[in-house]
Amino acid sequence: MRRGIPLAQLPLTFRDAVLFARFCKVRYIWIDSLCIMQDSEASWKAEALRMGQAYANSLCNINATSSSDPSGGCFVSRGPDAVKPLLVRPSKNWLQHTDDVLHLCYSPDSWEVNVEKAPLNTRAWVLQERLLAPRQLHCTAEQLFWECRECRASETTPSSYPDDFWQDSATRYTLF
């Protein structure tokens, strides 16, 4: 395996991650199940000591967040309108609004449903990766989400989720 693995022999998720890394001109990629000998306590003990450093110094984690196994892949084919932000300009008297602004409509549960409760994030070891790595790219069935230590965003909200998004859902105001 150190000399190389034919791309065609890898599961779809691994192929997608390798191709994405190549697209981003990233030379090295770490895939746990390829870099740690599976069912080998000695391999796990040796690599576990270095994983914190590896994740902390990584560029970005590519997560097949919606996949339940390595055959699911990272990317989903869909039309561009599936993630096009919905902007609404309410009429002047709607809910006493007098300002002439656009309002972004978004699903307040999108992050929770597509990232936090996704199959990948039900695995305990993923928490370590999310906490240590500086950036995460979450490939989900709905859209791409990303997070770093400063913001969380998605294709629908590329700048970041609105500040009030992370408040308690009972006090959160959205138009969706």
N, C-alpha and C. Protein backbone atom coordinates (compact mmCIF):
# COMPACT_ATOMS: atom_id res chain seq x y z
N MET A 1 0.82 -1.20 0.00
CA MET A 1 0.00 0.00 0.00
C MET A 1 0.87 1.26 0.00
N ARG A 2 2.08 1.20 0.54
CA ARG A 2 2.94 2.38 0.57
C ARG A 2 3.39 2.79 -0.82
N ARG A 3 3.45 1.86 -1.74
CA ARG A 3 3.85 2.18 -3.11
C ARG A 3 2.70 2.75 -3.92
N GLY A 4 1.49 2.56 -3.45
CA GLY A 4 0.34 3.11 -4.14
C GLY A 4 -0.81 2.14 -4.17
N ILE A 5 -1.98 2.68 -4.31
CA ILE A 5 -3.21 1.90 -4.44
C ILE A 5 -3.93 2.42 -5.67
N PRO A 6 -4.27 1.54 -6.60
CA PRO A 6 -5.03 2.02 -7.77
C PRO A 6 -6.34 2.66 -7.32
N LEU A 7 -6.60 3.86 -7.81
CA LEU A 7 -7.79 4.61 -7.42
C LEU A 7 -9.06 3.78 -7.62
N ALA A 8 -9.12 3.03 -8.69
CA ALA A 8 -10.31 2.24 -9.00
C ALA A 8 -10.59 1.17 -7.94
N GLN A 9 -9.61 0.80 -7.15
CA GLN A 9 -9.80 -0.23 -6.12
C GLN A 9 -10.34 0.34 -4.81
N LEU A 10 -10.38 1.64 -4.69
CA LEU A 10 -10.86 2.26 -3.47
C LEU A 10 -12.38 2.40 -3.49
N PRO A 11 -13.02 2.37 -2.31
CA PRO A 11 -14.46 2.65 -2.25
C PRO A 11 -14.74 4.07 -2.73
N LEU A 12 -15.95 4.34 -3.16
CA LEU A 12 -16.33 5.62 -3.74
C LEU A 12 -16.00 6.81 -2.82
N THR A 13 -16.25 6.70 -1.55
CA THR A 13 -15.97 7.81 -0.63
C THR A 13 -14.48 8.15 -0.63
N PHE A 14 -13.63 7.14 -0.61
CA PHE A 14 -12.18 7.38 -0.62
C PHE A 14 -11.75 7.98 -1.96
N ARG A 15 -12.31 7.48 -3.05
CA ARG A 15 -11.98 8.04 -4.38
C ARG A 15 -12.37 9.51 -4.44
N ASP A 16 -13.58 9.82 -3.98
CA ASP A 16 -14.04 11.22 -3.97
C ASP A 16 -13.09 12.10 -3.16
N ALA A 17 -12.67 11.63 -1.99
CA ALA A 17 -11.77 12.42 -1.14
C ALA A 17 -10.42 12.62 -1.81
N VAL A 18 -9.89 11.59 -2.44
CA VAL A 18 -8.60 11.71 -3.14
C VAL A 18 -8.72 12.69 -4.30
N LEU A 19 -9.78 12.58 -5.08
CA LEU A 19 -9.96 13.48 -6.22
C LEU A 19 -10.16 14.92 -5.76
N PHE A 20 -10.89 15.12 -4.67
CA PHE A 20 -11.07 16.47 -4.14
C PHE A 20 -9.74 17.04 -3.65
N ALA A 21 -8.95 16.23 -2.96
CA ALA A 21 -7.63 16.67 -2.49
C ALA A 21 -6.75 17.04 -3.68
N ARG A 22 -6.78 16.24 -4.73
CA ARG A 22 -6.00 16.55 -5.94
C ARG A 22 -6.48 17.87 -6.56
N PHE A 23 -7.78 18.06 -6.62
CA PHE A 23 -8.36 19.28 -7.17
C PHE A 23 -7.85 20.51 -6.40
N CYS A 24 -7.75 20.35 -5.08
CA CYS A 24 -7.28 21.45 -4.22
C CYS A 24 -5.75 21.53 -4.16
N LYS A 25 -5.09 20.66 -4.93
CA LYS A 25 -3.62 20.61 -4.98
C LYS A 25 -3.01 20.26 -3.63
N VAL A 26 -3.70 19.40 -2.88
CA VAL A 26 -3.20 18.89 -1.60
C VAL A 26 -2.46 17.60 -1.90
N ARG A 27 -1.24 17.52 -1.44
CA ARG A 27 -0.37 16.40 -1.81
C ARG A 27 -0.62 15.13 -0.99
N TYR A 28 -0.98 15.29 0.28
CA TYR A 28 -1.15 14.14 1.16
C TYR A 28 -2.57 14.07 1.69
N ILE A 29 -3.04 12.85 1.88
CA ILE A 29 -4.37 12.65 2.45
C ILE A 29 -4.29 11.50 3.45
N TRP A 30 -4.98 11.66 4.55
CA TRP A 30 -5.01 10.64 5.61
C TRP A 30 -6.41 10.03 5.60
N ILE A 31 -6.49 8.74 5.40
CA ILE A 31 -7.75 8.00 5.50
C ILE A 31 -7.52 6.95 6.57
N ASP A 32 -8.20 7.12 7.70
CA ASP A 32 -7.95 6.26 8.86
C ASP A 32 -7.86 4.78 8.52
N SER A 33 -8.87 4.29 7.84
CA SER A 33 -8.92 2.84 7.61
C SER A 33 -7.88 2.34 6.62
N LEU A 34 -7.20 3.25 5.93
CA LEU A 34 -6.08 2.84 5.08
C LEU A 34 -4.75 3.03 5.80
N CYS A 35 -4.69 4.02 6.70
CA CYS A 35 -3.44 4.34 7.37
C CYS A 35 -3.23 3.57 8.67
N ILE A 36 -4.30 3.04 9.23
CA ILE A 36 -4.20 2.24 10.45
C ILE A 36 -4.63 0.83 10.08
N MET A 37 -3.77 -0.14 10.37
CA MET A 37 -4.13 -1.53 10.07
C MET A 37 -5.36 -1.91 10.90
N GLN A 38 -6.40 -2.29 10.21
CA GLN A 38 -7.65 -2.62 10.89
C GLN A 38 -7.50 -3.91 11.70
N ASP A 39 -8.13 -3.93 12.86
CA ASP A 39 -8.09 -5.07 13.78
C ASP A 39 -6.69 -5.37 14.29
N SER A 40 -5.82 -4.34 14.31
CA SER A 40 -4.47 -4.50 14.84
C SER A 40 -4.31 -3.56 16.02
N GLU A 41 -4.26 -4.13 17.20
CA GLU A 41 -4.12 -3.31 18.41
C GLU A 41 -2.79 -2.55 18.40
N ALA A 42 -1.74 -3.19 17.91
CA ALA A 42 -0.42 -2.55 17.86
C ALA A 42 -0.44 -1.34 16.92
N SER A 43 -1.05 -1.49 15.75
CA SER A 43 -1.13 -0.38 14.80
C SER A 43 -1.96 0.75 15.40
N TRP A 44 -3.08 0.40 16.01
CA TRP A 44 -3.93 1.43 16.61
C TRP A 44 -3.19 2.19 17.69
N LYS A 45 -2.48 1.49 18.58
CA LYS A 45 -1.76 2.15 19.66
C LYS A 45 -0.68 3.09 19.11
N ALA A 46 0.03 2.66 18.09
CA ALA A 46 1.08 3.50 17.51
C ALA A 46 0.50 4.74 16.85
N GLU A 47 -0.57 4.57 16.08
CA GLU A 47 -1.15 5.70 15.35
C GLU A 47 -1.97 6.61 16.25
N ALA A 48 -2.62 6.05 17.26
CA ALA A 48 -3.45 6.85 18.17
C ALA A 48 -2.62 7.92 18.87
N LEU A 49 -1.37 7.63 19.13
CA LEU A 49 -0.49 8.59 19.78
C LEU A 49 -0.22 9.80 18.89
N ARG A 50 -0.29 9.60 17.58
CA ARG A 50 0.03 10.67 16.64
C ARG A 50 -1.19 11.35 16.03
N MET A 51 -2.37 10.80 16.26
CA MET A 51 -3.56 11.33 15.59
C MET A 51 -3.92 12.75 16.01
N GLY A 52 -3.76 13.07 17.27
CA GLY A 52 -4.07 14.43 17.72
C GLY A 52 -3.23 15.45 16.98
N GLN A 53 -1.95 15.17 16.83
CA GLN A 53 -1.05 16.05 16.09
C GLN A 53 -1.42 16.10 14.61
N ALA A 54 -1.76 14.95 14.05
CA ALA A 54 -2.13 14.90 12.63
C ALA A 54 -3.36 15.75 12.35
N TYR A 55 -4.39 15.61 13.16
CA TYR A 55 -5.62 16.38 12.93
C TYR A 55 -5.40 17.86 13.21
N ALA A 56 -4.68 18.19 14.27
CA ALA A 56 -4.46 19.59 14.62
C ALA A 56 -3.67 20.32 13.54
N ASN A 57 -2.82 19.61 12.82
CA ASN A 57 -2.00 20.22 11.77
C ASN A 57 -2.53 19.98 10.37
N SER A 58 -3.73 19.45 10.27
CA SER A 58 -4.31 19.18 8.96
C SER A 58 -4.83 20.47 8.33
N LEU A 59 -5.02 20.42 7.03
CA LEU A 59 -5.61 21.54 6.31
C LEU A 59 -7.13 21.53 6.50
N CYS A 60 -7.73 20.36 6.29
CA CYS A 60 -9.18 20.26 6.34
C CYS A 60 -9.59 18.79 6.40
N ASN A 61 -10.62 18.50 7.16
CA ASN A 61 -11.23 17.16 7.15
C ASN A 61 -12.31 17.14 6.08
N ILE A 62 -12.29 16.12 5.26
CA ILE A 62 -13.36 15.91 4.28
C ILE A 62 -14.23 14.80 4.86
N ASN A 63 -15.46 15.12 5.20
CA ASN A 63 -16.35 14.18 5.85
C ASN A 63 -17.48 13.75 4.92
N ALA A 64 -17.61 12.46 4.71
CA ALA A 64 -18.77 11.93 3.99
C ALA A 64 -19.87 11.79 5.04
N THR A 65 -20.38 12.91 5.48
CA THR A 65 -21.24 13.00 6.65
C THR A 65 -22.53 12.21 6.52
N SER A 66 -23.10 12.15 5.32
CA SER A 66 -24.37 11.43 5.13
C SER A 66 -24.18 9.94 4.85
N SER A 67 -22.96 9.52 4.59
CA SER A 67 -22.73 8.12 4.23
C SER A 67 -22.65 7.25 5.47
N SER A 68 -23.24 6.08 5.37
CA SER A 68 -23.16 5.14 6.48
C SER A 68 -22.00 4.16 6.31
N ASP A 69 -21.36 4.17 5.15
CA ASP A 69 -20.20 3.31 4.91
C ASP A 69 -19.37 3.91 3.77
N PRO A 70 -18.17 3.37 3.52
CA PRO A 70 -17.27 3.97 2.51
C PRO A 70 -17.76 3.89 1.06
N SER A 71 -18.82 3.16 0.81
CA SER A 71 -19.31 3.05 -0.57
C SER A 71 -20.28 4.18 -0.94
N GLY A 72 -20.69 4.99 0.03
CA GLY A 72 -21.70 6.02 -0.22
C GLY A 72 -21.22 7.22 -1.01
N GLY A 73 -19.95 7.52 -0.96
CA GLY A 73 -19.41 8.67 -1.68
C GLY A 73 -19.59 9.96 -0.91
N CYS A 74 -18.92 10.99 -1.41
CA CYS A 74 -18.97 12.31 -0.78
C CYS A 74 -19.98 13.23 -1.45
N PHE A 75 -20.08 13.14 -2.76
CA PHE A 75 -20.82 14.15 -3.50
C PHE A 75 -22.08 13.58 -4.13
N VAL A 76 -23.13 14.39 -4.12
CA VAL A 76 -24.43 14.00 -4.63
C VAL A 76 -24.77 14.87 -5.84
N SER A 77 -25.26 14.25 -6.89
CA SER A 77 -25.68 15.02 -8.06
C SER A 77 -27.02 15.67 -7.78
N ARG A 78 -27.12 16.96 -8.11
CA ARG A 78 -28.37 17.69 -7.94
C ARG A 78 -28.30 18.96 -8.77
N GLY A 79 -29.44 19.54 -9.00
CA GLY A 79 -29.50 20.79 -9.76
C GLY A 79 -29.06 21.97 -8.90
N PRO A 80 -28.58 23.03 -9.51
CA PRO A 80 -28.12 24.19 -8.74
C PRO A 80 -29.23 24.87 -7.94
N ASP A 81 -30.47 24.75 -8.38
CA ASP A 81 -31.57 25.39 -7.64
C ASP A 81 -31.83 24.73 -6.29
N ALA A 82 -31.31 23.52 -6.09
CA ALA A 82 -31.54 22.82 -4.83
C ALA A 82 -30.94 23.56 -3.64
N VAL A 83 -29.90 24.34 -3.87
CA VAL A 83 -29.26 25.06 -2.76
C VAL A 83 -29.23 26.57 -2.97
N LYS A 84 -29.97 27.02 -3.93
CA LYS A 84 -30.01 28.47 -4.20
C LYS A 84 -30.69 29.17 -3.01
N PRO A 85 -30.02 30.16 -2.43
CA PRO A 85 -30.64 30.87 -1.30
C PRO A 85 -31.96 31.54 -1.71
N LEU A 86 -32.93 31.49 -0.84
CA LEU A 86 -34.22 32.12 -1.09
C LEU A 86 -34.23 33.46 -0.37
N LEU A 87 -34.27 34.53 -1.16
CA LEU A 87 -34.31 35.88 -0.61
C LEU A 87 -35.70 36.46 -0.82
N VAL A 88 -36.24 37.08 0.21
CA VAL A 88 -37.59 37.63 0.16
C VAL A 88 -37.54 39.10 0.54
N ARG A 89 -38.23 39.93 -0.23
CA ARG A 89 -38.38 41.35 0.10
C ARG A 89 -39.85 41.53 0.50
N PRO A 90 -40.12 41.62 1.80
CA PRO A 90 -41.51 41.75 2.23
C PRO A 90 -42.10 43.11 1.84
N SER A 91 -43.41 43.12 1.76
CA SER A 91 -44.08 44.39 1.47
C SER A 91 -43.89 45.33 2.66
N LYS A 92 -44.09 46.61 2.44
CA LYS A 92 -43.81 47.63 3.46
C LYS A 92 -44.62 47.42 4.75
N ASN A 93 -45.82 46.92 4.66
CA ASN A 93 -46.64 46.80 5.86
C ASN A 93 -46.64 45.39 6.47
N TRP A 94 -45.86 44.48 5.91
CA TRP A 94 -45.83 43.12 6.43
C TRP A 94 -45.13 43.10 7.79
N LEU A 95 -45.82 42.69 8.81
CA LEU A 95 -45.30 42.62 10.18
C LEU A 95 -44.65 43.93 10.64
N GLN A 96 -45.21 45.06 10.18
CA GLN A 96 -44.73 46.37 10.59
C GLN A 96 -43.32 46.70 10.08
N HIS A 97 -42.87 45.94 9.08
CA HIS A 97 -41.54 46.23 8.51
C HIS A 97 -41.62 47.50 7.69
N THR A 98 -40.72 48.41 7.97
CA THR A 98 -40.66 49.64 7.18
C THR A 98 -39.35 49.75 6.42
N ASP A 99 -38.42 48.85 6.72
CA ASP A 99 -37.13 48.89 6.02
C ASP A 99 -37.25 48.17 4.68
N ASP A 100 -36.39 48.54 3.78
CA ASP A 100 -36.39 47.94 2.44
C ASP A 100 -35.21 46.99 2.35
N VAL A 101 -35.34 45.84 3.00
CA VAL A 101 -34.24 44.88 3.04
C VAL A 101 -34.69 43.53 2.53
N LEU A 102 -33.72 42.73 2.13
CA LEU A 102 -33.99 41.35 1.74
C LEU A 102 -33.80 40.47 2.97
N HIS A 103 -34.64 39.46 3.10
CA HIS A 103 -34.54 38.50 4.19
C HIS A 103 -34.17 37.14 3.61
N LEU A 104 -33.19 36.51 4.21
CA LEU A 104 -32.78 35.18 3.81
C LEU A 104 -33.67 34.16 4.49
N CYS A 105 -34.29 33.31 3.71
CA CYS A 105 -35.12 32.24 4.27
C CYS A 105 -34.26 30.97 4.30
N TYR A 106 -34.21 30.33 5.42
CA TYR A 106 -33.42 29.11 5.55
C TYR A 106 -34.12 28.17 6.52
N SER A 107 -33.79 26.93 6.41
CA SER A 107 -34.35 25.94 7.32
C SER A 107 -33.55 25.97 8.62
N PRO A 108 -34.16 26.28 9.73
CA PRO A 108 -33.41 26.37 10.98
C PRO A 108 -32.85 25.03 11.46
N ASP A 109 -33.36 23.94 10.94
CA ASP A 109 -32.90 22.62 11.37
C ASP A 109 -31.91 21.99 10.41
N SER A 110 -31.53 22.70 9.36
CA SER A 110 -30.69 22.13 8.32
C SER A 110 -29.35 21.62 8.86
N TRP A 111 -28.66 22.42 9.65
CA TRP A 111 -27.38 21.99 10.20
C TRP A 111 -27.57 20.79 11.13
N GLU A 112 -28.54 20.88 12.00
CA GLU A 112 -28.80 19.81 12.97
C GLU A 112 -29.10 18.48 12.26
N VAL A 113 -29.98 18.53 11.28
CA VAL A 113 -30.41 17.32 10.57
C VAL A 113 -29.30 16.76 9.68
N ASN A 114 -28.66 17.63 8.92
CA ASN A 114 -27.69 17.16 7.92
C ASN A 114 -26.28 16.94 8.44
N VAL A 115 -25.92 17.57 9.53
CA VAL A 115 -24.56 17.42 10.06
C VAL A 115 -24.57 16.71 11.41
N GLU A 116 -25.16 17.34 12.41
CA GLU A 116 -25.07 16.80 13.77
C GLU A 116 -25.70 15.41 13.91
N LYS A 117 -26.82 15.17 13.25
CA LYS A 117 -27.51 13.89 13.40
C LYS A 117 -27.24 12.94 12.23
N ALA A 118 -26.28 13.27 11.40
CA ALA A 118 -25.95 12.44 10.24
C ALA A 118 -25.23 11.17 10.68
N PRO A 119 -25.25 10.14 9.82
CA PRO A 119 -24.62 8.86 10.19
C PRO A 119 -23.17 8.98 10.68
N LEU A 120 -22.34 9.77 10.02
CA LEU A 120 -20.94 9.86 10.44
C LEU A 120 -20.80 10.38 11.86
N ASN A 121 -21.60 11.35 12.22
CA ASN A 121 -21.47 11.98 13.53
C ASN A 121 -22.12 11.20 14.66
N THR A 122 -22.55 9.98 14.39
CA THR A 122 -23.00 9.09 15.46
C THR A 122 -21.84 8.24 15.98
N ARG A 123 -20.68 8.36 15.34
CA ARG A 123 -19.50 7.58 15.73
C ARG A 123 -18.64 8.42 16.68
N ALA A 124 -18.27 7.83 17.81
CA ALA A 124 -17.56 8.57 18.86
C ALA A 124 -16.22 9.13 18.39
N TRP A 125 -15.46 8.41 17.61
CA TRP A 125 -14.13 8.87 17.21
C TRP A 125 -14.17 10.11 16.33
N VAL A 126 -15.32 10.37 15.70
CA VAL A 126 -15.44 11.55 14.84
C VAL A 126 -15.38 12.83 15.67
N LEU A 127 -15.82 12.78 16.89
CA LEU A 127 -15.77 13.96 17.76
C LEU A 127 -14.34 14.47 17.89
N GLN A 128 -13.40 13.56 18.08
CA GLN A 128 -11.99 13.95 18.18
C GLN A 128 -11.53 14.68 16.92
N GLU A 129 -11.89 14.15 15.78
CA GLU A 129 -11.50 14.78 14.52
C GLU A 129 -12.10 16.17 14.39
N ARG A 130 -13.36 16.31 14.73
CA ARG A 130 -14.02 17.62 14.61
C ARG A 130 -13.45 18.64 15.57
N LEU A 131 -13.07 18.21 16.75
CA LEU A 131 -12.52 19.15 17.73
C LEU A 131 -11.08 19.55 17.40
N LEU A 132 -10.30 18.64 16.87
CA LEU A 132 -8.89 18.91 16.64
C LEU A 132 -8.58 19.56 15.29
N ALA A 133 -9.27 19.15 14.25
CA ALA A 133 -8.97 19.68 12.92
C ALA A 133 -9.45 21.13 12.81
N PRO A 134 -8.69 21.98 12.15
CA PRO A 134 -9.07 23.39 12.08
C PRO A 134 -10.27 23.67 11.18
N ARG A 135 -10.53 22.80 10.22
CA ARG A 135 -11.63 23.00 9.27
C ARG A 135 -12.29 21.67 8.94
N GLN A 136 -13.59 21.74 8.66
CA GLN A 136 -14.36 20.56 8.28
C GLN A 136 -15.18 20.86 7.04
N LEU A 137 -15.18 19.95 6.10
CA LEU A 137 -16.10 20.00 4.96
C LEU A 137 -17.04 18.83 5.13
N HIS A 138 -18.34 19.11 5.29
CA HIS A 138 -19.34 18.06 5.48
C HIS A 138 -20.08 17.85 4.17
N CYS A 139 -19.91 16.70 3.58
CA CYS A 139 -20.61 16.34 2.35
C CYS A 139 -21.88 15.60 2.77
N THR A 140 -23.03 16.23 2.53
CA THR A 140 -24.30 15.63 2.94
C THR A 140 -25.19 15.40 1.74
N ALA A 141 -26.27 14.72 1.97
CA ALA A 141 -27.22 14.43 0.89
C ALA A 141 -27.90 15.70 0.39
N GLU A 142 -28.00 16.71 1.24
CA GLU A 142 -28.70 17.94 0.88
C GLU A 142 -27.78 18.97 0.22
N GLN A 143 -26.62 19.22 0.84
CA GLN A 143 -25.69 20.24 0.34
C GLN A 143 -24.36 20.10 1.08
N LEU A 144 -23.39 20.90 0.68
CA LEU A 144 -22.10 20.96 1.38
C LEU A 144 -22.23 21.95 2.53
N PHE A 145 -21.68 21.56 3.67
CA PHE A 145 -21.60 22.42 4.84
C PHE A 145 -20.13 22.51 5.22
N TRP A 146 -19.72 23.60 5.81
CA TRP A 146 -18.35 23.69 6.29
C TRP A 146 -18.34 24.44 7.60
N GLU A 147 -17.29 24.14 8.37
CA GLU A 147 -17.14 24.81 9.65
C GLU A 147 -15.65 24.95 9.96
N CYS A 148 -15.36 25.99 10.72
CA CYS A 148 -14.03 26.19 11.27
C CYS A 148 -14.24 26.74 12.67
N ARG A 149 -13.21 27.22 13.27
CA ARG A 149 -13.34 27.72 14.64
C ARG A 149 -14.04 29.06 14.72
N GLU A 150 -14.29 29.67 13.56
CA GLU A 150 -14.92 30.99 13.56
C GLU A 150 -16.33 31.02 13.00
N CYS A 151 -16.68 30.08 12.16
CA CYS A 151 -18.04 30.11 11.61
C CYS A 151 -18.47 28.74 11.09
N ARG A 152 -19.74 28.65 10.83
CA ARG A 152 -20.35 27.49 10.18
C ARG A 152 -21.16 28.04 9.02
N ALA A 153 -21.08 27.36 7.88
CA ALA A 153 -21.75 27.86 6.68
C ALA A 153 -22.17 26.69 5.81
N SER A 154 -22.87 27.03 4.74
CA SER A 154 -23.33 26.02 3.79
C SER A 154 -23.47 26.65 2.42
N GLU A 155 -23.84 25.84 1.46
CA GLU A 155 -24.07 26.39 0.13
C GLU A 155 -25.22 27.39 0.14
N THR A 156 -26.21 27.16 0.97
CA THR A 156 -27.34 28.07 1.07
C THR A 156 -26.94 29.36 1.77
N THR A 157 -26.09 29.26 2.77
CA THR A 157 -25.64 30.43 3.54
C THR A 157 -24.11 30.48 3.51
N PRO A 158 -23.51 30.82 2.37
CA PRO A 158 -22.05 30.72 2.22
C PRO A 158 -21.24 31.68 3.09
N SER A 159 -21.79 32.80 3.48
CA SER A 159 -21.03 33.73 4.32
C SER A 159 -20.95 33.21 5.75
N SER A 160 -21.97 32.61 6.20
CA SER A 160 -22.10 31.93 7.50
C SER A 160 -23.57 31.98 7.86
N TYR A 161 -23.94 31.14 8.80
CA TYR A 161 -25.31 31.20 9.28
C TYR A 161 -25.49 32.51 10.02
N PRO A 162 -26.69 33.09 9.97
CA PRO A 162 -26.95 34.34 10.71
C PRO A 162 -26.62 34.16 12.19
N ASP A 163 -26.23 35.25 12.86
CA ASP A 163 -25.84 35.18 14.26
C ASP A 163 -26.90 34.52 15.13
N ASP A 164 -28.16 34.78 14.84
CA ASP A 164 -29.21 34.23 15.69
C ASP A 164 -29.47 32.75 15.43
N PHE A 165 -28.81 32.17 14.40
CA PHE A 165 -29.04 30.76 14.08
C PHE A 165 -28.63 29.85 15.24
N TRP A 166 -27.60 30.22 15.97
CA TRP A 166 -27.06 29.34 17.01
C TRP A 166 -27.71 29.56 18.36
N GLN A 167 -28.70 30.45 18.42
CA GLN A 167 -29.44 30.62 19.66
C GLN A 167 -30.36 29.43 19.87
N ASP A 168 -30.91 29.35 21.04
CA ASP A 168 -31.89 28.32 21.35
C ASP A 168 -33.01 28.36 20.32
N SER A 169 -33.42 27.20 19.82
CA SER A 169 -34.40 27.16 18.75
C SER A 169 -35.73 27.79 19.16
N ALA A 170 -36.03 27.85 20.43
CA ALA A 170 -37.29 28.45 20.87
C ALA A 170 -37.29 29.96 20.66
N THR A 171 -36.10 30.58 20.66
CA THR A 171 -36.03 32.02 20.48
C THR A 171 -35.56 32.41 19.09
N ARG A 172 -35.26 31.42 18.26
CA ARG A 172 -34.74 31.70 16.92
C ARG A 172 -35.85 32.19 16.00
N TYR A 173 -35.59 33.21 15.23
CA TYR A 173 -36.57 33.75 14.29
C TYR A 173 -36.11 33.48 12.88
N THR A 174 -36.91 32.82 12.12
CA THR A 174 -36.62 32.62 10.70
C THR A 174 -37.90 32.83 9.93
N LEU A 175 -37.77 32.99 8.65
CA LEU A 175 -38.94 33.14 7.80
C LEU A 175 -39.35 31.84 7.16
N PHE A 176 -38.62 30.78 7.39
CA PHE A 176 -38.87 29.51 6.70
C PHE A 176 -39.82 28.65 7.46
